[in-house]
PDB file of N, CA and C in Angstrom:
ATOM      1  N   TRP A   1     -96.588 -32.268 -46.255  1.00  0.00           N
ATOM      2  CA  TRP A   1     -95.715 -31.472 -45.951  1.00  0.00           C
ATOM      3  C   TRP A   1     -94.260 -32.141 -45.877  1.00  0.00           C
ATOM      4  N   SER A   2     -94.260 -33.109 -45.327  1.00  0.00           N
ATOM      5  CA  SER A   2     -93.034 -33.711 -44.791  1.00  0.00           C
ATOM      6  C   SER A   2     -92.522 -34.422 -46.138  1.00  0.00           C
ATOM      7  N   GLN A   3     -92.933 -35.037 -46.943  1.00  0.00           N
ATOM      8  CA  GLN A   3     -92.451 -35.754 -48.326  1.00  0.00           C
ATOM      9  C   GLN A   3     -92.153 -34.721 -49.171  1.00  0.00           C
ATOM     10  N   ALA A   4     -92.707 -33.459 -49.274  1.00  0.00           N
ATOM     11  CA  ALA A   4     -92.457 -32.319 -50.266  1.00  0.00           C
ATOM     12  C   ALA A   4     -91.007 -31.836 -49.646  1.00  0.00           C
ATOM     13  N   THR A   5     -91.055 -31.654 -48.325  1.00  0.00           N
ATOM     14  CA  THR A   5     -89.673 -30.853 -47.936  1.00  0.00           C
ATOM     15  C   THR A   5     -88.452 -31.903 -48.027  1.00  0.00           C
ATOM     16  N   GLN A   6     -88.755 -33.045 -47.760  1.00  0.00           N
ATOM     17  CA  GLN A   6     -87.719 -33.953 -47.951  1.00  0.00           C
ATOM     18  C   GLN A   6     -87.287 -34.227 -49.513  1.00  0.00           C
ATOM     19  N   LEU A   7     -88.006 -34.052 -50.190  1.00  0.00           N
ATOM     20  CA  LEU A   7     -87.953 -34.214 -51.872  1.00  0.00           C
ATOM     21  C   LEU A   7     -87.000 -32.806 -51.909  1.00  0.00           C
ATOM     22  N   LEU A   8     -87.522 -31.925 -51.819  1.00  0.00           N
ATOM     23  CA  LEU A   8     -86.845 -30.451 -51.735  1.00  0.00           C
ATOM     24  C   LEU A   8     -85.251 -30.403 -51.241  1.00  0.00           C
ATOM     25  N   LEU A   9     -85.351 -31.208 -49.607  1.00  0.00           N
ATOM     26  CA  LEU A   9     -84.004 -31.219 -49.344  1.00  0.00           C
ATOM     27  C   LEU A   9     -82.797 -32.340 -50.248  1.00  0.00           C
ATOM     28  N   ILE A  10     -83.592 -33.169 -50.889  1.00  0.00           N
ATOM     29  CA  ILE A  10     -82.835 -34.205 -51.629  1.00  0.00           C
ATOM     30  C   ILE A  10     -82.084 -33.558 -52.917  1.00  0.00           C
ATOM     31  N   LEU A  11     -83.401 -32.927 -53.135  1.00  0.00           N
ATOM     32  CA  LEU A  11     -82.846 -31.858 -54.810  1.00  0.00           C
ATOM     33  C   LEU A  11     -81.896 -31.105 -54.435  1.00  0.00           C
ATOM     34  N   GLY A  12     -82.057 -30.082 -53.673  1.00  0.00           N
ATOM     35  CA  GLY A  12     -81.168 -28.848 -53.073  1.00  0.00           C
ATOM     36  C   GLY A  12     -79.563 -29.989 -52.975  1.00  0.00           C
ATOM     37  N   THR A  13     -79.706 -31.002 -52.116  1.00  0.00           N
ATOM     38  CA  THR A  13     -78.148 -31.778 -51.825  1.00  0.00           C
ATOM     39  C   THR A  13     -77.532 -32.047 -53.074  1.00  0.00           C
ATOM     40  N   LEU A  14     -78.617 -32.558 -54.077  1.00  0.00           N
ATOM     41  CA  LEU A  14     -77.556 -33.349 -55.542  1.00  0.00           C
ATOM     42  C   LEU A  14     -77.332 -32.135 -56.239  1.00  0.00           C
ATOM     43  N   LEU A  15     -78.447 -31.042 -56.200  1.00  0.00           N
ATOM     44  CA  LEU A  15     -77.624 -30.184 -56.900  1.00  0.00           C
ATOM     45  C   LEU A  15     -76.590 -29.002 -56.400  1.00  0.00           C
ATOM     46  N   LYS A  16     -76.339 -29.227 -55.138  1.00  0.00           N
ATOM     47  CA  LYS A  16     -75.474 -28.434 -54.324  1.00  0.00           C
ATOM     48  C   LYS A  16     -75.939 -27.135 -54.155  1.00  0.00           C
ATOM     49  N   TYR A  17     -77.148 -26.957 -53.960  1.00  0.00           N
ATOM     50  CA  TYR A  17     -77.633 -25.607 -53.763  1.00  0.00           C
ATOM     51  C   TYR A  17     -76.802 -24.877 -52.635  1.00  0.00           C
ATOM     52  N   PRO A  18     -76.258 -23.528 -52.965  1.00  0.00           N
ATOM     53  CA  PRO A  18     -75.693 -22.818 -51.868  1.00  0.00           C
ATOM     54  C   PRO A  18     -76.252 -21.970 -51.260  1.00  0.00           C
ATOM     55  N   SER A  19     -76.888 -22.420 -50.127  1.00  0.00           N
ATOM     56  CA  SER A  19     -77.615 -21.571 -49.338  1.00  0.00           C
ATOM     57  C   SER A  19     -77.299 -21.964 -47.819  1.00  0.00           C
ATOM     58  N   SER A  20     -77.022 -20.534 -47.187  1.00  0.00           N
ATOM     59  CA  SER A  20     -76.721 -21.072 -45.684  1.00  0.00           C
ATOM     60  C   SER A  20     -77.883 -20.326 -44.924  1.00  0.00           C
ATOM     61  N   GLU A  21     -78.895 -19.604 -45.603  1.00  0.00           N
ATOM     62  CA  GLU A  21     -80.045 -18.939 -45.086  1.00  0.00           C
ATOM     63  C   GLU A  21     -80.985 -19.668 -44.666  1.00  0.00           C
ATOM     64  N   TRP A  22     -81.471 -20.998 -45.636  1.00  0.00           N
ATOM     65  CA  TRP A  22     -82.586 -21.935 -45.227  1.00  0.00           C
ATOM     66  C   TRP A  22     -82.033 -22.948 -44.474  1.00  0.00           C
ATOM     67  N   LYS A  23     -82.912 -23.648 -43.744  1.00  0.00           N
ATOM     68  CA  LYS A  23     -82.927 -24.860 -43.198  1.00  0.00           C
ATOM     69  C   LYS A  23     -84.138 -25.330 -43.203  1.00  0.00           C
ATOM     70  N   LEU A  24     -84.391 -26.873 -43.841  1.00  0.00           N
ATOM     71  CA  LEU A  24     -85.394 -27.534 -44.042  1.00  0.00           C
ATOM     72  C   LEU A  24     -85.343 -28.757 -42.773  1.00  0.00           C
ATOM     73  N   VAL A  25     -86.720 -28.779 -42.385  1.00  0.00           N
ATOM     74  CA  VAL A  25     -86.694 -30.018 -41.186  1.00  0.00           C
ATOM     75  C   VAL A  25     -87.896 -30.887 -41.386  1.00  0.00           C
ATOM     76  N   PRO A  26     -88.012 -31.790 -41.936  1.00  0.00           N
ATOM     77  CA  PRO A  26     -88.833 -32.770 -42.222  1.00  0.00           C
ATOM     78  C   PRO A  26     -89.191 -33.503 -40.787  1.00  0.00           C
ATOM     79  N   LEU A  27     -90.505 -33.556 -40.559  1.00  0.00           N
ATOM     80  CA  LEU A  27     -91.114 -34.471 -39.279  1.00  0.00           C
ATOM     81  C   LEU A  27     -91.976 -35.213 -40.013  1.00  0.00           C
ATOM     82  N   ALA A  28     -92.426 -36.170 -38.694  1.00  0.00           N
ATOM     83  CA  ALA A  28     -93.131 -37.307 -39.465  1.00  0.00           C
ATOM     84  C   ALA A  28     -94.596 -36.740 -39.673  1.00  0.00           C
ATOM     85  N   ASP A  29     -95.318 -35.411 -39.448  1.00  0.00           N
ATOM     86  CA  ASP A  29     -96.547 -35.329 -39.831  1.00  0.00           C
ATOM     87  C   ASP A  29     -96.606 -34.078 -40.541  1.00  0.00           C
ATOM     88  N   CYS A  30     -95.725 -33.395 -40.330  1.00  0.00           N
ATOM     89  CA  CYS A  30     -95.522 -31.893 -41.047  1.00  0.00           C
ATOM     90  C   CYS A  30     -94.029 -31.693 -41.300  1.00  0.00           C
ATOM     91  N   ALA A  31     -93.549 -30.448 -41.442  1.00  0.00           N
ATOM     92  CA  ALA A  31     -92.333 -30.026 -41.609  1.00  0.00           C
ATOM     93  C   ALA A  31     -92.375 -28.180 -41.073  1.00  0.00           C
ATOM     94  N   LYS A  32     -90.672 -28.023 -41.044  1.00  0.00           N
ATOM     95  CA  LYS A  32     -90.330 -26.852 -40.528  1.00  0.00           C
ATOM     96  C   LYS A  32     -89.387 -26.166 -41.351  1.00  0.00           C
ATOM     97  N   LEU A  33     -89.525 -25.136 -41.994  1.00  0.00           N
ATOM     98  CA  LEU A  33     -88.937 -24.345 -42.787  1.00  0.00           C
ATOM     99  C   LEU A  33     -88.473 -23.267 -42.289  1.00  0.00           C
ATOM    100  N   ILE A  34     -86.816 -22.995 -41.916  1.00  0.00           N
ATOM    101  CA  ILE A  34     -86.306 -21.761 -41.374  1.00  0.00           C
ATOM    102  C   ILE A  34     -85.792 -20.879 -42.336  1.00  0.00           C
ATOM    103  N   TYR A  35     -85.969 -19.904 -42.261  1.00  0.00           N
ATOM    104  CA  TYR A  35     -85.390 -18.646 -43.263  1.00  0.00           C
ATOM    105  C   TYR A  35     -84.593 -17.976 -42.303  1.00  0.00           C
ATOM    106  N   ARG A  36     -83.220 -17.631 -42.264  1.00  0.00           N
ATOM    107  CA  ARG A  36     -82.349 -16.857 -41.508  1.00  0.00           C
ATOM    108  C   ARG A  36     -83.004 -17.340 -40.012  1.00  0.00           C
ATOM    109  N   LYS A  37     -83.630 -16.414 -39.384  1.00  0.00           N
ATOM    110  CA  LYS A  37     -84.041 -16.758 -37.984  1.00  0.00           C
ATOM    111  C   LYS A  37     -85.526 -16.944 -37.722  1.00  0.00           C
ATOM    112  N   GLU A  38     -86.441 -16.800 -39.105  1.00  0.00           N
ATOM    113  CA  GLU A  38     -88.061 -16.832 -39.237  1.00  0.00           C
ATOM    114  C   GLU A  38     -88.209 -18.453 -39.198  1.00  0.00           C
ATOM    115  N   ILE A  39     -89.162 -19.029 -38.573  1.00  0.00           N
ATOM    116  CA  ILE A  39     -89.361 -20.239 -38.820  1.00  0.00           C
ATOM    117  C   ILE A  39     -90.990 -20.375 -39.222  1.00  0.00           C
ATOM    118  N   PHE A  40     -91.176 -21.026 -40.351  1.00  0.00           N
ATOM    119  CA  PHE A  40     -92.353 -21.374 -41.054  1.00  0.00           C
ATOM    120  C   PHE A  40     -92.931 -23.043 -40.700  1.00  0.00           C
ATOM    121  N   ASN A  41     -94.045 -22.786 -40.132  1.00  0.00           N
ATOM    122  CA  ASN A  41     -94.552 -24.314 -39.810  1.00  0.00           C
ATOM    123  C   ASN A  41     -95.430 -24.990 -41.003  1.00  0.00           C
ATOM    124  N   LEU A  42     -94.815 -25.644 -42.191  1.00  0.00           N
ATOM    125  CA  LEU A  42     -95.625 -26.150 -42.897  1.00  0.00           C
ATOM    126  C   LEU A  42     -96.868 -26.961 -42.631  1.00  0.00           C
ATOM    127  N   LYS A  43     -97.728 -26.442 -43.001  1.00  0.00           N
ATOM    128  CA  LYS A  43     -99.040 -27.331 -42.814  1.00  0.00           C
ATOM    129  C   LYS A  43    -100.197 -26.923 -43.695  1.00  0.00           C
ATOM    130  N   PRO A  44    -101.185 -27.665 -43.966  1.00  0.00           N
ATOM    131  CA  PRO A  44    -102.284 -27.069 -44.890  1.00  0.00           C
ATOM    132  C   PRO A  44    -102.971 -25.722 -44.124  1.00  0.00           C
ATOM    133  N   GLY A  45    -103.396 -25.251 -45.567  1.00  0.00           N
ATOM    134  CA  GLY A  45    -103.997 -23.751 -44.936  1.00  0.00           C
ATOM    135  C   GLY A  45    -103.059 -22.443 -44.516  1.00  0.00           C
ATOM    136  N   ASP A  46    -101.507 -22.921 -44.399  1.00  0.00           N
ATOM    137  CA  ASP A  46    -101.104 -21.501 -44.276  1.00  0.00           C
ATOM    138  C   ASP A  46    -100.163 -20.986 -45.266  1.00  0.00           C
ATOM    139  N   CYS A  47    -100.624 -19.818 -45.706  1.00  0.00           N
ATOM    140  CA  CYS A  47    -100.510 -19.167 -47.023  1.00  0.00           C
ATOM    141  C   CYS A  47     -98.873 -18.754 -46.845  1.00  0.00           C
ATOM    142  N   ARG A  48     -98.487 -18.176 -45.673  1.00  0.00           N
ATOM    143  CA  ARG A  48     -97.076 -17.529 -45.198  1.00  0.00           C
ATOM    144  C   ARG A  48     -96.216 -18.748 -45.621  1.00  0.00           C
ATOM    145  N   SER A  49     -96.471 -19.934 -45.038  1.00  0.00           N
ATOM    146  CA  SER A  49     -95.342 -20.885 -44.732  1.00  0.00           C
ATOM    147  C   SER A  49     -95.311 -21.520 -46.034  1.00  0.00           C
ATOM    148  N   LEU A  50     -96.431 -21.360 -47.070  1.00  0.00           N
ATOM    149  CA  LEU A  50     -96.614 -22.107 -48.755  1.00  0.00           C
ATOM    150  C   LEU A  50     -95.802 -20.941 -49.378  1.00  0.00           C
ATOM    151  N   MET A  51     -95.776 -19.455 -49.069  1.00  0.00           N
ATOM    152  CA  MET A  51     -94.850 -18.916 -49.693  1.00  0.00           C
ATOM    153  C   MET A  51     -93.497 -19.038 -49.860  1.00  0.00           C
ATOM    154  N   ALA A  52     -93.253 -19.262 -48.586  1.00  0.00           N
ATOM    155  CA  ALA A  52     -91.631 -19.364 -47.958  1.00  0.00           C
ATOM    156  C   ALA A  52     -91.089 -20.619 -48.900  1.00  0.00           C
ATOM    157  N   LEU A  53     -91.979 -21.714 -48.711  1.00  0.00           N
ATOM    158  CA  LEU A  53     -91.745 -23.131 -49.576  1.00  0.00           C
ATOM    159  C   LEU A  53     -91.572 -22.739 -51.125  1.00  0.00           C
ATOM    160  N   ASN A  54     -92.582 -22.040 -51.664  1.00  0.00           N
ATOM    161  CA  ASN A  54     -92.272 -21.558 -53.005  1.00  0.00           C
ATOM    162  C   ASN A  54     -91.283 -20.938 -53.528  1.00  0.00           C
ATOM    163  N   ALA A  55     -91.017 -19.769 -52.499  1.00  0.00           N
ATOM    164  CA  ALA A  55     -89.523 -19.004 -52.489  1.00  0.00           C
ATOM    165  C   ALA A  55     -88.086 -19.822 -53.024  1.00  0.00           C
ATOM    166  N   LEU A  56     -88.141 -20.941 -51.683  1.00  0.00           N
ATOM    167  CA  LEU A  56     -87.142 -21.818 -51.830  1.00  0.00           C
ATOM    168  C   LEU A  56     -86.711 -22.621 -53.015  1.00  0.00           C
ATOM    169  N   LEU A  57     -88.379 -23.140 -53.587  1.00  0.00           N
ATOM    170  CA  LEU A  57     -88.013 -24.013 -54.840  1.00  0.00           C
ATOM    171  C   LEU A  57     -87.722 -22.942 -55.853  1.00  0.00           C
ATOM    172  N   ASP A  58     -88.281 -22.240 -56.059  1.00  0.00           N
ATOM    173  CA  ASP A  58     -88.178 -21.059 -57.249  1.00  0.00           C
ATOM    174  C   ASP A  58     -86.787 -20.905 -57.269  1.00  0.00           C
ATOM    175  N   GLN A  59     -86.146 -20.896 -56.114  1.00  0.00           N
ATOM    176  CA  GLN A  59     -84.409 -20.457 -56.373  1.00  0.00           C
ATOM    177  C   GLN A  59     -83.624 -21.947 -56.373  1.00  0.00           C
ATOM    178  N   VAL A  60     -84.149 -22.972 -56.108  1.00  0.00           N
ATOM    179  CA  VAL A  60     -83.633 -24.100 -56.362  1.00  0.00           C
ATOM    180  C   VAL A  60     -83.661 -24.416 -58.099  1.00  0.00           C
ATOM    181  N   ILE A  61     -84.842 -24.035 -58.574  1.00  0.00           N
ATOM    182  CA  ILE A  61     -85.039 -24.659 -59.989  1.00  0.00           C
ATOM    183  C   ILE A  61     -84.331 -23.652 -60.921  1.00  0.00           C
ATOM    184  N   ARG A  62     -84.200 -22.252 -60.331  1.00  0.00           N
ATOM    185  CA  ARG A  62     -83.013 -21.419 -61.321  1.00  0.00           C
ATOM    186  C   ARG A  62     -81.671 -21.879 -60.757  1.00  0.00           C
ATOM    187  N   HIS A  63     -81.320 -22.169 -60.081  1.00  0.00           N
ATOM    188  CA  HIS A  63     -80.122 -22.948 -59.729  1.00  0.00           C
ATOM    189  C   HIS A  63     -79.994 -24.040 -60.582  1.00  0.00           C
ATOM    190  N   ALA A  64     -80.773 -25.021 -60.711  1.00  0.00           N
ATOM    191  CA  ALA A  64     -80.412 -26.250 -61.352  1.00  0.00           C
ATOM    192  C   ALA A  64     -80.805 -25.706 -62.855  1.00  0.00           C
ATOM    193  N   LYS A  65     -81.427 -24.744 -63.228  1.00  0.00           N
ATOM    194  CA  LYS A  65     -81.581 -24.237 -64.996  1.00  0.00           C
ATOM    195  C   LYS A  65     -80.229 -23.585 -64.949  1.00  0.00           C
ATOM    196  N   THR A  66     -79.371 -23.033 -64.264  1.00  0.00           N
ATOM    197  CA  THR A  66     -78.065 -22.556 -64.223  1.00  0.00           C
ATOM    198  C   THR A  66     -76.947 -23.778 -64.589  1.00  0.00           C
ATOM    199  N   ILE A  67     -77.057 -24.724 -63.900  1.00  0.00           N
ATOM    200  CA  ILE A  67     -76.271 -25.967 -63.940  1.00  0.00           C
ATOM    201  C   ILE A  67     -76.290 -26.587 -64.989  1.00  0.00           C
ATOM    202  N   PHE A  68     -77.658 -26.916 -65.722  1.00  0.00           N
ATOM    203  CA  PHE A  68     -77.939 -27.619 -67.007  1.00  0.00           C
ATOM    204  C   PHE A  68     -77.472 -27.029 -67.934  1.00  0.00           C
ATOM    205  N   ALA A  69     -77.569 -25.099 -67.799  1.00  0.00           N
ATOM    206  CA  ALA A  69     -77.126 -24.391 -69.161  1.00  0.00           C
ATOM    207  C   ALA A  69     -75.901 -24.355 -69.132  1.00  0.00           C
ATOM    208  N   ALA A  70     -74.808 -24.590 -67.866  1.00  0.00           N
ATOM    209  CA  ALA A  70     -73.657 -24.652 -68.249  1.00  0.00           C
ATOM    210  C   ALA A  70     -73.089 -25.791 -68.781  1.00  0.00           C
ATOM    211  N   GLN A  71     -73.954 -27.026 -68.901  1.00  0.00           N
ATOM    212  CA  GLN A  71     -73.304 -28.171 -69.062  1.00  0.00           C
ATOM    213  C   GLN A  71     -74.002 -28.601 -70.304  1.00  0.00           C
ATOM    214  N   GLN A  72     -74.175 -27.452 -71.620  1.00  0.00           N
ATOM    215  CA  GLN A  72     -74.927 -27.685 -72.816  1.00  0.00           C
ATOM    216  C   GLN A  72     -74.170 -29.068 -73.535  1.00  0.00           C
ATOM    217  N   GLN A  73     -73.108 -29.489 -73.338  1.00  0.00           N
ATOM    218  CA  GLN A  73     -72.549 -30.367 -73.822  1.00  0.00           C
ATOM    219  C   GLN A  73     -73.064 -31.440 -73.564  1.00  0.00           C
ATOM    220  N   SER A  74     -73.784 -31.736 -72.682  1.00  0.00           N
ATOM    221  CA  SER A  74     -74.600 -33.191 -72.111  1.00  0.00           C
ATOM    222  C   SER A  74     -75.915 -33.051 -73.109  1.00  0.00           C
ATOM    223  N   LYS A  75     -76.456 -34.169 -73.124  1.00  0.00           N
ATOM    224  CA  LYS A  75     -77.674 -34.653 -74.017  1.00  0.00           C
ATOM    225  C   LYS A  75     -78.890 -34.373 -73.022  1.00  0.00           C
ATOM    226  N   ILE A  76     -78.833 -33.383 -71.782  1.00  0.00           N
ATOM    227  CA  ILE A  76     -80.175 -33.402 -71.005  1.00  0.00           C
ATOM    228  C   ILE A  76     -80.686 -32.021 -71.819  1.00  0.00           C
ATOM    229  N   GLU A  77     -81.959 -32.133 -72.082  1.00  0.00           N
ATOM    230  CA  GLU A  77     -83.036 -31.122 -72.658  1.00  0.00           C
ATOM    231  C   GLU A  77     -83.481 -30.538 -71.164  1.00  0.00           C
ATOM    232  N   VAL A  78     -83.129 -29.744 -70.956  1.00  0.00           N
ATOM    233  CA  VAL A  78     -84.019 -28.356 -69.578  1.00  0.00           C
ATOM    234  C   VAL A  78     -85.098 -27.826 -70.123  1.00  0.00           C
ATOM    235  N   LYS A  79     -86.258 -28.167 -69.663  1.00  0.00           N
ATOM    236  CA  LYS A  79     -87.371 -27.572 -69.756  1.00  0.00           C
ATOM    237  C   LYS A  79     -88.131 -27.115 -68.677  1.00  0.00           C
ATOM    238  N   SER A  80     -88.983 -26.047 -68.741  1.00  0.00           N
ATOM    239  CA  SER A  80     -89.579 -24.877 -67.561  1.00  0.00           C
ATOM    240  C   SER A  80     -90.416 -26.159 -67.146  1.00  0.00           C
ATOM    241  N   PRO A  81     -90.781 -25.696 -66.017  1.00  0.00           N
ATOM    242  CA  PRO A  81     -92.097 -26.182 -65.366  1.00  0.00           C
ATOM    243  C   PRO A  81     -93.461 -26.332 -66.293  1.00  0.00           C
ATOM    244  N   PRO A  82     -94.550 -27.316 -66.415  1.00  0.00           N
ATOM    245  CA  PRO A  82     -95.547 -27.059 -67.131  1.00  0.00           C
ATOM    246  C   PRO A  82     -96.611 -25.813 -66.560  1.00  0.00           C
ATOM    247  N   PHE A  83     -95.966 -24.810 -65.577  1.00  0.00           N
ATOM    248  CA  PHE A  83     -97.000 -23.776 -65.475  1.00  0.00           C
ATOM    249  C   PHE A  83     -95.851 -22.603 -64.826  1.00  0.00           C
ATOM    250  N   PRO A  84     -96.297 -21.802 -65.338  1.00  0.00           N
ATOM    251  CA  PRO A  84     -95.634 -20.332 -64.853  1.00  0.00           C
ATOM    252  C   PRO A  84     -95.540 -20.250 -63.304  1.00  0.00           C
ATOM    253  N   SER A  85     -94.265 -19.699 -62.783  1.00  0.00           N
ATOM    254  CA  SER A  85     -94.212 -19.897 -61.106  1.00  0.00           C
ATOM    255  C   SER A  85     -93.181 -19.060 -61.020  1.00  0.00           C
ATOM    256  N   SER A  86     -93.534 -18.303 -59.774  1.00  0.00           N
ATOM    257  CA  SER A  86     -92.490 -17.252 -59.218  1.00  0.00           C
ATOM    258  C   SER A  86     -92.331 -17.424 -57.589  1.00  0.00           C
ATOM    259  N   PRO A  87     -91.571 -17.004 -56.857  1.00  0.00           N
ATOM    260  CA  PRO A  87     -91.588 -16.756 -55.405  1.00  0.00           C
ATOM    261  C   PRO A  87     -92.635 -16.629 -54.573  1.00  0.00           C
ATOM    262  N   SER A  88     -93.683 -15.725 -55.540  1.00  0.00           N
ATOM    263  CA  SER A  88     -95.142 -15.279 -54.932  1.00  0.00           C
ATOM    264  C   SER A  88     -96.386 -15.779 -55.509  1.00  0.00           C
ATOM    265  N   SER A  89     -96.074 -16.661 -56.773  1.00  0.00           N
ATOM    266  CA  SER A  89     -97.341 -17.339 -57.218  1.00  0.00           C
ATOM    267  C   SER A  89     -96.742 -18.514 -57.935  1.00  0.00           C
ATOM    268  N   ILE A  90     -97.962 -19.108 -57.797  1.00  0.00           N
ATOM    269  CA  ILE A  90     -97.753 -20.692 -59.127  1.00  0.00           C
ATOM    270  C   ILE A  90     -99.102 -20.440 -59.623  1.00  0.00           C
ATOM    271  N   GLY A  91     -98.740 -20.972 -61.148  1.00  0.00           N
ATOM    272  CA  GLY A  91     -99.663 -20.771 -62.263  1.00  0.00           C
ATOM    273  C   GLY A  91    -100.530 -19.233 -61.997  1.00  0.00           C
ATOM    274  N   ASN A  92    -101.691 -19.300 -62.117  1.00  0.00           N
ATOM    275  CA  ASN A  92    -102.345 -18.134 -61.743  1.00  0.00           C
ATOM    276  C   ASN A  92    -102.940 -17.403 -60.629  1.00  0.00           C
ATOM    277  N   THR A  93    -102.403 -18.223 -59.827  1.00  0.00           N
ATOM    278  CA  THR A  93    -102.764 -17.908 -58.173  1.00  0.00           C
ATOM    279  C   THR A  93    -101.724 -17.178 -57.599  1.00  0.00           C
ATOM    280  N   GLU A  94    -102.139 -16.363 -57.026  1.00  0.00           N
ATOM    281  CA  GLU A  94    -101.284 -15.232 -56.032  1.00  0.00           C
ATOM    282  C   GLU A  94    -101.191 -15.726 -54.836  1.00  0.00           C
ATOM    283  N   LEU A  95     -99.860 -16.519 -54.125  1.00  0.00           N
ATOM    284  CA  LEU A  95    -100.213 -17.359 -52.763  1.00  0.00           C
ATOM    285  C   LEU A  95    -100.469 -16.087 -51.970  1.00  0.00           C
ATOM    286  N   ALA A  96    -100.094 -14.721 -51.713  1.00  0.00           N
ATOM    287  CA  ALA A  96    -100.825 -14.011 -50.829  1.00  0.00           C
ATOM    288  C   ALA A  96    -102.136 -13.584 -50.695  1.00  0.00           C
ATOM    289  N   ARG A  97    -102.500 -14.032 -52.087  1.00  0.00           N
ATOM    290  CA  ARG A  97    -104.273 -13.735 -51.845  1.00  0.00           C
ATOM    291  C   ARG A  97    -105.140 -15.057 -51.896  1.00  0.00           C
ATOM    292  N   LEU A  98    -104.593 -16.297 -51.473  1.00  0.00           N
ATOM    293  CA  LEU A  98    -104.957 -17.385 -51.188  1.00  0.00           C
ATOM    294  C   LEU A  98    -105.951 -17.778 -50.110  1.00  0.00           C
ATOM    295  N   ASP A  99    -107.208 -17.590 -49.844  1.00  0.00           N
ATOM    296  CA  ASP A  99    -107.624 -17.889 -48.536  1.00  0.00           C
ATOM    297  C   ASP A  99    -107.472 -19.179 -47.796  1.00  0.00           C
ATOM    298  N   ARG A 100    -107.509 -19.479 -46.863  1.00  0.00           N
ATOM    299  CA  ARG A 100    -107.511 -20.595 -45.899  1.00  0.00           C
ATOM    300  C   ARG A 100    -108.639 -21.533 -46.242  1.00  0.00           C
ATOM    301  N   THR A 101    -109.957 -20.964 -46.623  1.00  0.00           N
ATOM    302  CA  THR A 101    -111.134 -21.649 -46.764  1.00  0.00           C
ATOM    303  C   THR A 101    -110.880 -21.982 -48.616  1.00  0.00           C
ATOM    304  N   ASP A 102    -110.437 -21.716 -49.443  1.00  0.00           N
ATOM    305  CA  ASP A 102    -110.219 -21.547 -50.534  1.00  0.00           C
ATOM    306  C   ASP A 102    -109.813 -22.910 -51.147  1.00  0.00           C
ATOM    307  N   HIS A 103    -110.631 -23.915 -50.681  1.00  0.00           N
ATOM    308  CA  HIS A 103    -110.348 -25.217 -51.167  1.00  0.00           C
ATOM    309  C   HIS A 103    -110.013 -25.531 -52.773  1.00  0.00           C
ATOM    310  N   VAL A 104    -110.498 -24.658 -53.559  1.00  0.00           N
ATOM    311  CA  VAL A 104    -110.234 -24.953 -55.054  1.00  0.00           C
ATOM    312  C   VAL A 104    -108.814 -24.419 -55.248  1.00  0.00           C
ATOM    313  N   GLY A 105    -108.309 -23.449 -54.620  1.00  0.00           N
ATOM    314  CA  GLY A 105    -107.550 -22.332 -54.816  1.00  0.00           C
ATOM    315  C   GLY A 105    -106.127 -23.411 -54.653  1.00  0.00           C
ATOM    316  N   TRP A 106    -106.075 -23.931 -53.205  1.00  0.00           N
ATOM    317  CA  TRP A 106    -105.516 -24.830 -52.745  1.00  0.00           C
ATOM    318  C   TRP A 106    -105.182 -25.993 -53.635  1.00  0.00           C
ATOM    319  N   SER A 107    -105.943 -26.697 -54.286  1.00  0.00           N
ATOM    320  CA  SER A 107    -106.032 -27.840 -54.842  1.00  0.00           C
ATOM    321  C   SER A 107    -105.236 -27.648 -56.027  1.00  0.00           C
ATOM    322  N   HIS A 108    -105.346 -26.339 -56.686  1.00  0.00           N
ATOM    323  CA  HIS A 108    -104.764 -25.834 -58.053  1.00  0.00           C
ATOM    324  C   HIS A 108    -103.186 -25.488 -57.406  1.00  0.00           C
ATOM    325  N   VAL A 109    -103.013 -24.919 -56.152  1.00  0.00           N
ATOM    326  CA  VAL A 109    -101.422 -24.416 -56.507  1.00  0.00           C
ATOM    327  C   VAL A 109    -100.625 -26.038 -55.905  1.00  0.00           C
ATOM    328  N   ILE A 110    -101.332 -26.838 -54.870  1.00  0.00           N
ATOM    329  CA  ILE A 110    -100.742 -28.259 -54.386  1.00  0.00           C
ATOM    330  C   ILE A 110    -100.689 -29.144 -55.907  1.00  0.00           C
TER     331      ILE A 110
END
């Protein structure tokens, strides 16, 4: 979780993602995501935190697509992710319905 959070933090910084509502706190063995005043402890098996991280990731991806679309003069080809994604789902998996013990479902979304 820490590495995923660090990657998202770097990506958001490089793309100058404009958000004052989200805070990312990568720690040694986990991470914290703060949305407004709500704290999510990113750890395996926590659907609520995964949904928060995915919602932020979805916003950053949309922001990146907007930036690259505005720079159409460049030779950069903008591709969509290899699977459908939204703030509440990854692929065909609805994150709110993902059970803590559903190891197959978790491996699909991770």
